[in-house]
Amino acid sequence: MTGGLLLAAGSSFASEQQFLVETTLWLEGQARQVPAMVVKAREPAFLMPAAEDGSVSDGNWRLQVEVDPVDDPLIPTDSLWVNITIDRFENGTWENLTDSMLGVPEGEIATLSVVDGDNAPDPTTAQVYLEIRTSRLRPASN
């Protein structure tokens, strides 16, 4: 990755919680460099690698992540919903590869994969293979 762009959309007082999102991503068996992101709760964050001149070409990808703390007494404490969208730029247009929601215990690794047929999910053979860990950032004490 020669450059990159991280955008966070929206802003509200209700989303003051922040999370560290760490991902490892493979597309068509190729590992992609994905920097860690700090995101606010319930606000989508976008990551899109680009060339130094900011251009987008075939094979480029973008990742959207939104973290939503679970507020349900029947669900384990510190559980999170993580909405994930991954797109790839091909032939002048963005093609959606996956759009999913994962239930993830905070601090643990969750895996998402897109495979053909009955193939086993594996980073080197899956169309999309993503490992994600999300941790709540605690405010510094004064």
N, C-alpha and C. Protein backbone atom coordinates (compact mmCIF):
# COMPACT_ATOMS: atom_id res chain seq x y z
N MET A 1 0.85 -1.16 0.00
CA MET A 1 0.00 0.00 0.00
C MET A 1 0.90 1.22 0.00
N THR A 2 0.71 2.09 -0.97
CA THR A 2 1.55 3.27 -1.06
C THR A 2 0.95 4.47 -0.36
N GLY A 3 -0.32 4.50 -0.19
CA GLY A 3 -0.99 5.60 0.49
C GLY A 3 -2.28 5.09 1.07
N GLY A 4 -3.02 5.95 1.72
CA GLY A 4 -4.27 5.49 2.27
C GLY A 4 -5.11 6.64 2.72
N LEU A 5 -6.34 6.36 2.95
CA LEU A 5 -7.28 7.39 3.35
C LEU A 5 -8.22 6.77 4.36
N LEU A 6 -8.41 7.44 5.48
CA LEU A 6 -9.36 7.00 6.49
C LEU A 6 -10.34 8.13 6.70
N LEU A 7 -11.62 7.83 6.55
CA LEU A 7 -12.66 8.83 6.72
C LEU A 7 -13.63 8.34 7.77
N ALA A 8 -14.07 9.21 8.63
CA ALA A 8 -15.12 8.88 9.58
C ALA A 8 -16.29 9.81 9.30
N ALA A 9 -17.47 9.25 9.20
CA ALA A 9 -18.65 10.05 8.86
C ALA A 9 -19.47 10.32 10.10
N GLY A 10 -20.09 11.50 10.13
CA GLY A 10 -21.03 11.83 11.20
C GLY A 10 -20.35 12.13 12.51
N SER A 11 -21.13 12.67 13.42
CA SER A 11 -20.62 12.97 14.75
C SER A 11 -21.81 13.22 15.67
N SER A 12 -21.77 12.65 16.86
CA SER A 12 -22.83 12.91 17.82
C SER A 12 -22.31 12.66 19.22
N PHE A 13 -22.94 13.29 20.18
CA PHE A 13 -22.55 13.14 21.57
C PHE A 13 -22.73 11.71 22.05
N ALA A 14 -23.74 11.02 21.52
CA ALA A 14 -24.06 9.66 21.96
C ALA A 14 -23.00 8.65 21.58
N SER A 15 -22.13 8.99 20.66
CA SER A 15 -21.13 8.01 20.20
C SER A 15 -19.74 8.35 20.72
N GLU A 16 -19.64 8.77 21.98
CA GLU A 16 -18.35 9.14 22.54
C GLU A 16 -17.44 7.94 22.82
N GLN A 17 -18.00 6.74 22.93
CA GLN A 17 -17.15 5.57 23.13
C GLN A 17 -16.28 5.37 21.89
N GLN A 18 -15.01 5.04 22.13
CA GLN A 18 -14.10 4.79 21.02
C GLN A 18 -13.56 3.38 21.10
N PHE A 19 -13.25 2.82 19.91
CA PHE A 19 -12.77 1.45 19.81
C PHE A 19 -11.56 1.38 18.90
N LEU A 20 -10.64 0.53 19.26
CA LEU A 20 -9.51 0.21 18.39
C LEU A 20 -9.92 -1.00 17.56
N VAL A 21 -9.85 -0.86 16.23
CA VAL A 21 -10.23 -1.94 15.33
C VAL A 21 -8.97 -2.40 14.60
N GLU A 22 -8.61 -3.66 14.83
CA GLU A 22 -7.44 -4.24 14.19
C GLU A 22 -7.91 -5.34 13.25
N THR A 23 -7.49 -5.29 11.99
CA THR A 23 -7.93 -6.28 11.01
C THR A 23 -6.75 -6.83 10.24
N THR A 24 -6.91 -8.07 9.83
CA THR A 24 -6.02 -8.71 8.88
C THR A 24 -6.91 -9.15 7.73
N LEU A 25 -6.55 -8.77 6.50
CA LEU A 25 -7.42 -8.99 5.36
C LEU A 25 -6.65 -9.66 4.22
N TRP A 26 -7.29 -10.69 3.64
CA TRP A 26 -6.79 -11.32 2.43
C TRP A 26 -7.89 -11.22 1.38
N LEU A 27 -7.54 -10.81 0.17
CA LEU A 27 -8.46 -10.80 -0.96
C LEU A 27 -7.87 -11.67 -2.05
N GLU A 28 -8.66 -12.66 -2.50
CA GLU A 28 -8.18 -13.59 -3.53
C GLU A 28 -6.82 -14.18 -3.16
N GLY A 29 -6.64 -14.51 -1.88
CA GLY A 29 -5.41 -15.15 -1.40
C GLY A 29 -4.24 -14.22 -1.18
N GLN A 30 -4.42 -12.93 -1.41
CA GLN A 30 -3.34 -11.96 -1.23
C GLN A 30 -3.55 -11.16 0.05
N ALA A 31 -2.54 -11.14 0.92
CA ALA A 31 -2.63 -10.36 2.14
C ALA A 31 -2.61 -8.88 1.80
N ARG A 32 -3.46 -8.11 2.45
CA ARG A 32 -3.53 -6.66 2.26
C ARG A 32 -3.11 -5.98 3.55
N GLN A 33 -2.37 -4.91 3.43
CA GLN A 33 -1.93 -4.16 4.59
C GLN A 33 -3.09 -3.27 5.06
N VAL A 34 -3.51 -3.47 6.31
CA VAL A 34 -4.63 -2.72 6.86
C VAL A 34 -4.18 -2.09 8.17
N PRO A 35 -4.07 -0.77 8.21
CA PRO A 35 -3.67 -0.14 9.47
C PRO A 35 -4.80 -0.22 10.49
N ALA A 36 -4.44 -0.19 11.77
CA ALA A 36 -5.44 -0.17 12.84
C ALA A 36 -6.20 1.15 12.75
N MET A 37 -7.47 1.11 13.15
CA MET A 37 -8.31 2.30 13.12
C MET A 37 -8.87 2.56 14.51
N VAL A 38 -9.04 3.82 14.86
CA VAL A 38 -9.77 4.20 16.06
C VAL A 38 -11.08 4.79 15.57
N VAL A 39 -12.20 4.19 16.02
CA VAL A 39 -13.52 4.62 15.56
C VAL A 39 -14.41 4.90 16.75
N LYS A 40 -15.39 5.77 16.53
CA LYS A 40 -16.40 6.04 17.55
C LYS A 40 -17.54 5.04 17.38
N ALA A 41 -18.22 4.75 18.48
CA ALA A 41 -19.37 3.85 18.44
C ALA A 41 -20.44 4.41 17.52
N ARG A 42 -21.02 3.51 16.75
CA ARG A 42 -22.16 3.81 15.87
C ARG A 42 -21.85 4.83 14.78
N GLU A 43 -20.59 5.01 14.44
CA GLU A 43 -20.20 5.90 13.35
C GLU A 43 -19.36 5.10 12.36
N PRO A 44 -19.77 5.04 11.10
CA PRO A 44 -18.99 4.28 10.12
C PRO A 44 -17.63 4.92 9.86
N ALA A 45 -16.64 4.07 9.70
CA ALA A 45 -15.29 4.51 9.34
C ALA A 45 -14.92 3.77 8.06
N PHE A 46 -14.23 4.45 7.17
CA PHE A 46 -13.87 3.90 5.88
C PHE A 46 -12.36 3.90 5.73
N LEU A 47 -11.83 2.85 5.16
CA LEU A 47 -10.41 2.78 4.85
C LEU A 47 -10.29 2.40 3.39
N MET A 48 -9.54 3.19 2.62
CA MET A 48 -9.37 2.92 1.21
C MET A 48 -7.94 3.24 0.81
N PRO A 49 -7.12 2.23 0.56
CA PRO A 49 -5.77 2.50 0.08
C PRO A 49 -5.83 3.13 -1.31
N ALA A 50 -4.93 4.04 -1.58
CA ALA A 50 -4.88 4.70 -2.89
C ALA A 50 -3.44 4.96 -3.26
N ALA A 51 -3.22 5.22 -4.52
CA ALA A 51 -1.88 5.55 -5.00
C ALA A 51 -1.47 6.91 -4.41
N GLU A 52 -0.19 7.23 -4.49
CA GLU A 52 0.31 8.50 -3.96
C GLU A 52 -0.47 9.69 -4.53
N ASP A 53 -0.89 9.61 -5.80
CA ASP A 53 -1.62 10.72 -6.42
C ASP A 53 -3.12 10.69 -6.08
N GLY A 54 -3.55 9.74 -5.24
CA GLY A 54 -4.94 9.66 -4.83
C GLY A 54 -5.84 8.90 -5.79
N SER A 55 -5.27 8.36 -6.85
CA SER A 55 -6.09 7.66 -7.84
C SER A 55 -6.50 6.27 -7.36
N VAL A 56 -7.59 5.79 -7.94
CA VAL A 56 -8.11 4.45 -7.65
C VAL A 56 -8.07 3.68 -8.96
N SER A 57 -7.56 2.45 -8.91
CA SER A 57 -7.49 1.64 -10.12
C SER A 57 -8.00 0.24 -9.82
N ASP A 58 -8.16 -0.57 -10.88
CA ASP A 58 -8.65 -1.94 -10.70
C ASP A 58 -7.81 -2.66 -9.66
N GLY A 59 -8.50 -3.41 -8.81
CA GLY A 59 -7.83 -4.15 -7.75
C GLY A 59 -7.81 -3.41 -6.42
N ASN A 60 -8.05 -2.08 -6.45
CA ASN A 60 -8.13 -1.36 -5.19
C ASN A 60 -9.31 -1.86 -4.39
N TRP A 61 -9.28 -1.67 -3.09
CA TRP A 61 -10.34 -2.13 -2.22
C TRP A 61 -10.66 -1.06 -1.19
N ARG A 62 -11.83 -1.21 -0.56
CA ARG A 62 -12.19 -0.33 0.54
C ARG A 62 -12.91 -1.15 1.59
N LEU A 63 -12.73 -0.73 2.82
CA LEU A 63 -13.30 -1.42 3.98
C LEU A 63 -14.10 -0.41 4.79
N GLN A 64 -15.33 -0.77 5.14
CA GLN A 64 -16.14 0.06 6.03
C GLN A 64 -16.41 -0.75 7.28
N VAL A 65 -16.22 -0.11 8.44
CA VAL A 65 -16.43 -0.76 9.73
C VAL A 65 -17.28 0.16 10.59
N GLU A 66 -18.26 -0.43 11.27
CA GLU A 66 -19.04 0.33 12.25
C GLU A 66 -19.22 -0.55 13.48
N VAL A 67 -18.86 -0.04 14.65
CA VAL A 67 -18.93 -0.79 15.90
C VAL A 67 -20.15 -0.31 16.68
N ASP A 68 -20.94 -1.27 17.15
CA ASP A 68 -22.16 -0.95 17.88
C ASP A 68 -22.17 -1.77 19.17
N PRO A 69 -21.93 -1.13 20.34
CA PRO A 69 -21.99 -1.89 21.60
C PRO A 69 -23.38 -2.49 21.79
N VAL A 70 -23.42 -3.71 22.29
CA VAL A 70 -24.68 -4.41 22.53
C VAL A 70 -25.22 -3.96 23.88
N ASP A 71 -26.45 -3.50 23.88
CA ASP A 71 -27.09 -3.04 25.11
C ASP A 71 -28.27 -3.97 25.41
N ASP A 72 -27.94 -5.19 25.86
CA ASP A 72 -28.95 -6.20 26.13
C ASP A 72 -28.49 -7.00 27.34
N PRO A 73 -29.29 -7.04 28.41
CA PRO A 73 -28.87 -7.76 29.62
C PRO A 73 -28.70 -9.26 29.41
N LEU A 74 -29.24 -9.82 28.33
CA LEU A 74 -29.11 -11.26 28.08
C LEU A 74 -27.85 -11.61 27.30
N ILE A 75 -27.13 -10.60 26.84
CA ILE A 75 -25.90 -10.80 26.06
C ILE A 75 -24.71 -10.56 26.97
N PRO A 76 -23.63 -11.35 26.83
CA PRO A 76 -22.45 -11.13 27.68
C PRO A 76 -21.95 -9.68 27.64
N THR A 77 -21.50 -9.20 28.78
CA THR A 77 -20.97 -7.84 28.90
C THR A 77 -19.82 -7.66 27.92
N ASP A 78 -19.69 -6.47 27.38
CA ASP A 78 -18.64 -6.09 26.43
C ASP A 78 -18.75 -6.80 25.08
N SER A 79 -19.95 -7.26 24.74
CA SER A 79 -20.15 -7.80 23.39
C SER A 79 -20.42 -6.64 22.44
N LEU A 80 -20.02 -6.82 21.19
CA LEU A 80 -20.15 -5.77 20.19
C LEU A 80 -20.75 -6.34 18.91
N TRP A 81 -21.52 -5.54 18.21
CA TRP A 81 -21.90 -5.84 16.84
C TRP A 81 -20.91 -5.06 15.97
N VAL A 82 -20.32 -5.72 15.01
CA VAL A 82 -19.41 -5.05 14.08
C VAL A 82 -19.95 -5.24 12.68
N ASN A 83 -20.35 -4.13 12.05
CA ASN A 83 -20.83 -4.16 10.66
C ASN A 83 -19.63 -3.96 9.75
N ILE A 84 -19.50 -4.85 8.76
CA ILE A 84 -18.34 -4.84 7.87
C ILE A 84 -18.82 -4.86 6.43
N THR A 85 -18.27 -3.98 5.62
CA THR A 85 -18.50 -3.99 4.17
C THR A 85 -17.14 -3.92 3.49
N ILE A 86 -16.93 -4.80 2.52
CA ILE A 86 -15.69 -4.80 1.74
C ILE A 86 -16.07 -4.73 0.27
N ASP A 87 -15.48 -3.77 -0.44
CA ASP A 87 -15.70 -3.60 -1.87
C ASP A 87 -14.37 -3.62 -2.60
N ARG A 88 -14.42 -3.98 -3.89
CA ARG A 88 -13.22 -3.96 -4.75
C ARG A 88 -13.56 -3.16 -6.00
N PHE A 89 -12.61 -2.36 -6.47
CA PHE A 89 -12.79 -1.56 -7.68
C PHE A 89 -12.37 -2.37 -8.89
N GLU A 90 -13.29 -2.63 -9.80
CA GLU A 90 -13.02 -3.39 -11.02
C GLU A 90 -13.77 -2.75 -12.18
N ASN A 91 -13.09 -2.60 -13.30
CA ASN A 91 -13.71 -2.08 -14.53
C ASN A 91 -14.47 -0.77 -14.31
N GLY A 92 -13.88 0.13 -13.53
CA GLY A 92 -14.44 1.45 -13.34
C GLY A 92 -15.59 1.56 -12.36
N THR A 93 -15.87 0.50 -11.61
CA THR A 93 -16.97 0.55 -10.64
C THR A 93 -16.62 -0.25 -9.39
N TRP A 94 -17.28 0.07 -8.28
CA TRP A 94 -17.07 -0.65 -7.04
C TRP A 94 -17.98 -1.89 -7.01
N GLU A 95 -17.39 -3.04 -6.73
CA GLU A 95 -18.09 -4.32 -6.64
C GLU A 95 -18.10 -4.75 -5.17
N ASN A 96 -19.30 -5.01 -4.62
CA ASN A 96 -19.40 -5.44 -3.23
C ASN A 96 -18.95 -6.89 -3.10
N LEU A 97 -18.00 -7.14 -2.21
CA LEU A 97 -17.53 -8.51 -1.96
C LEU A 97 -18.23 -9.13 -0.76
N THR A 98 -18.52 -8.33 0.25
CA THR A 98 -19.25 -8.83 1.41
C THR A 98 -19.81 -7.66 2.21
N ASP A 99 -20.94 -7.92 2.83
CA ASP A 99 -21.60 -6.97 3.71
C ASP A 99 -22.18 -7.81 4.83
N SER A 100 -21.60 -7.71 6.02
CA SER A 100 -21.99 -8.64 7.07
C SER A 100 -21.95 -7.97 8.44
N MET A 101 -22.61 -8.59 9.39
CA MET A 101 -22.57 -8.16 10.78
C MET A 101 -22.05 -9.32 11.61
N LEU A 102 -21.08 -9.04 12.45
CA LEU A 102 -20.51 -10.05 13.32
C LEU A 102 -20.79 -9.69 14.77
N GLY A 103 -21.15 -10.68 15.55
CA GLY A 103 -21.23 -10.51 17.00
C GLY A 103 -19.87 -10.90 17.56
N VAL A 104 -19.21 -9.95 18.20
CA VAL A 104 -17.83 -10.16 18.62
C VAL A 104 -17.66 -9.81 20.09
N PRO A 105 -17.18 -10.74 20.92
CA PRO A 105 -16.81 -10.35 22.28
C PRO A 105 -15.61 -9.40 22.21
N GLU A 106 -15.69 -8.31 22.93
CA GLU A 106 -14.63 -7.31 22.91
C GLU A 106 -13.27 -7.95 23.21
N GLY A 107 -12.27 -7.61 22.39
CA GLY A 107 -10.91 -8.09 22.58
C GLY A 107 -10.61 -9.44 21.95
N GLU A 108 -11.65 -10.14 21.48
CA GLU A 108 -11.42 -11.45 20.84
C GLU A 108 -11.41 -11.30 19.33
N ILE A 109 -10.81 -12.27 18.65
CA ILE A 109 -10.73 -12.26 17.19
C ILE A 109 -11.94 -12.98 16.61
N ALA A 110 -12.58 -12.33 15.66
CA ALA A 110 -13.68 -12.94 14.90
C ALA A 110 -13.21 -13.09 13.46
N THR A 111 -13.73 -14.07 12.76
CA THR A 111 -13.33 -14.35 11.38
C THR A 111 -14.54 -14.30 10.47
N LEU A 112 -14.34 -13.70 9.31
CA LEU A 112 -15.36 -13.65 8.26
C LEU A 112 -14.70 -14.13 6.98
N SER A 113 -15.35 -15.05 6.27
CA SER A 113 -14.77 -15.52 5.01
C SER A 113 -15.85 -15.68 3.95
N VAL A 114 -15.46 -15.47 2.71
CA VAL A 114 -16.30 -15.70 1.54
C VAL A 114 -15.56 -16.72 0.69
N VAL A 115 -16.17 -17.91 0.52
CA VAL A 115 -15.53 -18.98 -0.24
C VAL A 115 -16.48 -19.49 -1.32
N ASP A 116 -15.92 -20.16 -2.30
CA ASP A 116 -16.72 -20.78 -3.36
C ASP A 116 -17.16 -22.18 -2.93
N GLY A 117 -18.43 -22.48 -3.12
CA GLY A 117 -18.94 -23.83 -2.88
C GLY A 117 -18.67 -24.33 -1.49
N ASP A 118 -18.17 -25.57 -1.43
CA ASP A 118 -17.89 -26.22 -0.16
C ASP A 118 -16.44 -26.07 0.28
N ASN A 119 -15.69 -25.16 -0.33
CA ASN A 119 -14.29 -24.97 0.04
C ASN A 119 -14.17 -24.55 1.49
N ALA A 120 -13.13 -25.04 2.13
CA ALA A 120 -12.87 -24.66 3.52
C ALA A 120 -12.36 -23.22 3.56
N PRO A 121 -12.78 -22.45 4.56
CA PRO A 121 -12.28 -21.08 4.67
C PRO A 121 -10.79 -21.07 5.00
N ASP A 122 -10.02 -20.46 4.14
CA ASP A 122 -8.57 -20.41 4.31
C ASP A 122 -8.09 -19.09 3.71
N PRO A 123 -7.18 -18.38 4.37
CA PRO A 123 -6.74 -17.09 3.84
C PRO A 123 -6.17 -17.15 2.43
N THR A 124 -5.54 -18.25 2.07
CA THR A 124 -4.88 -18.32 0.76
C THR A 124 -5.81 -18.71 -0.37
N THR A 125 -7.01 -19.22 -0.04
CA THR A 125 -7.91 -19.66 -1.11
C THR A 125 -9.26 -18.95 -1.13
N ALA A 126 -9.63 -18.27 -0.06
CA ALA A 126 -10.93 -17.59 0.01
C ALA A 126 -10.94 -16.33 -0.84
N GLN A 127 -12.11 -15.98 -1.36
CA GLN A 127 -12.25 -14.71 -2.08
C GLN A 127 -12.00 -13.56 -1.09
N VAL A 128 -12.57 -13.67 0.10
CA VAL A 128 -12.37 -12.71 1.18
C VAL A 128 -12.12 -13.50 2.46
N TYR A 129 -11.09 -13.12 3.20
CA TYR A 129 -10.83 -13.72 4.50
C TYR A 129 -10.41 -12.57 5.42
N LEU A 130 -11.17 -12.35 6.48
CA LEU A 130 -10.94 -11.23 7.37
C LEU A 130 -10.90 -11.71 8.81
N GLU A 131 -9.90 -11.27 9.54
CA GLU A 131 -9.84 -11.46 10.99
C GLU A 131 -9.92 -10.08 11.60
N ILE A 132 -10.77 -9.92 12.61
CA ILE A 132 -10.98 -8.60 13.21
C ILE A 132 -11.03 -8.71 14.72
N ARG A 133 -10.38 -7.76 15.37
CA ARG A 133 -10.43 -7.66 16.84
C ARG A 133 -10.78 -6.21 17.17
N THR A 134 -11.73 -6.03 18.06
CA THR A 134 -12.18 -4.71 18.43
C THR A 134 -12.08 -4.57 19.95
N SER A 135 -11.41 -3.51 20.39
CA SER A 135 -11.22 -3.28 21.83
C SER A 135 -11.66 -1.86 22.18
N ARG A 136 -12.36 -1.75 23.29
CA ARG A 136 -12.83 -0.45 23.78
C ARG A 136 -11.62 0.34 24.31
N LEU A 137 -11.52 1.58 23.91
CA LEU A 137 -10.48 2.46 24.44
C LEU A 137 -11.04 3.12 25.70
N ARG A 138 -10.34 2.95 26.77
CA ARG A 138 -10.78 3.52 28.05
C ARG A 138 -10.27 4.97 28.14
N PRO A 139 -11.11 5.88 28.63
CA PRO A 139 -10.65 7.25 28.79
C PRO A 139 -9.51 7.31 29.81
N ALA A 140 -8.56 8.19 29.55
CA ALA A 140 -7.44 8.35 30.49
C ALA A 140 -7.96 8.94 31.79
N SER A 141 -7.46 8.43 32.93
CA SER A 141 -7.89 9.01 34.21
C SER A 141 -7.03 10.22 34.54
N ASN A 142 -7.66 11.18 35.17
CA ASN A 142 -6.96 12.43 35.50
C ASN A 142 -6.37 12.37 36.88
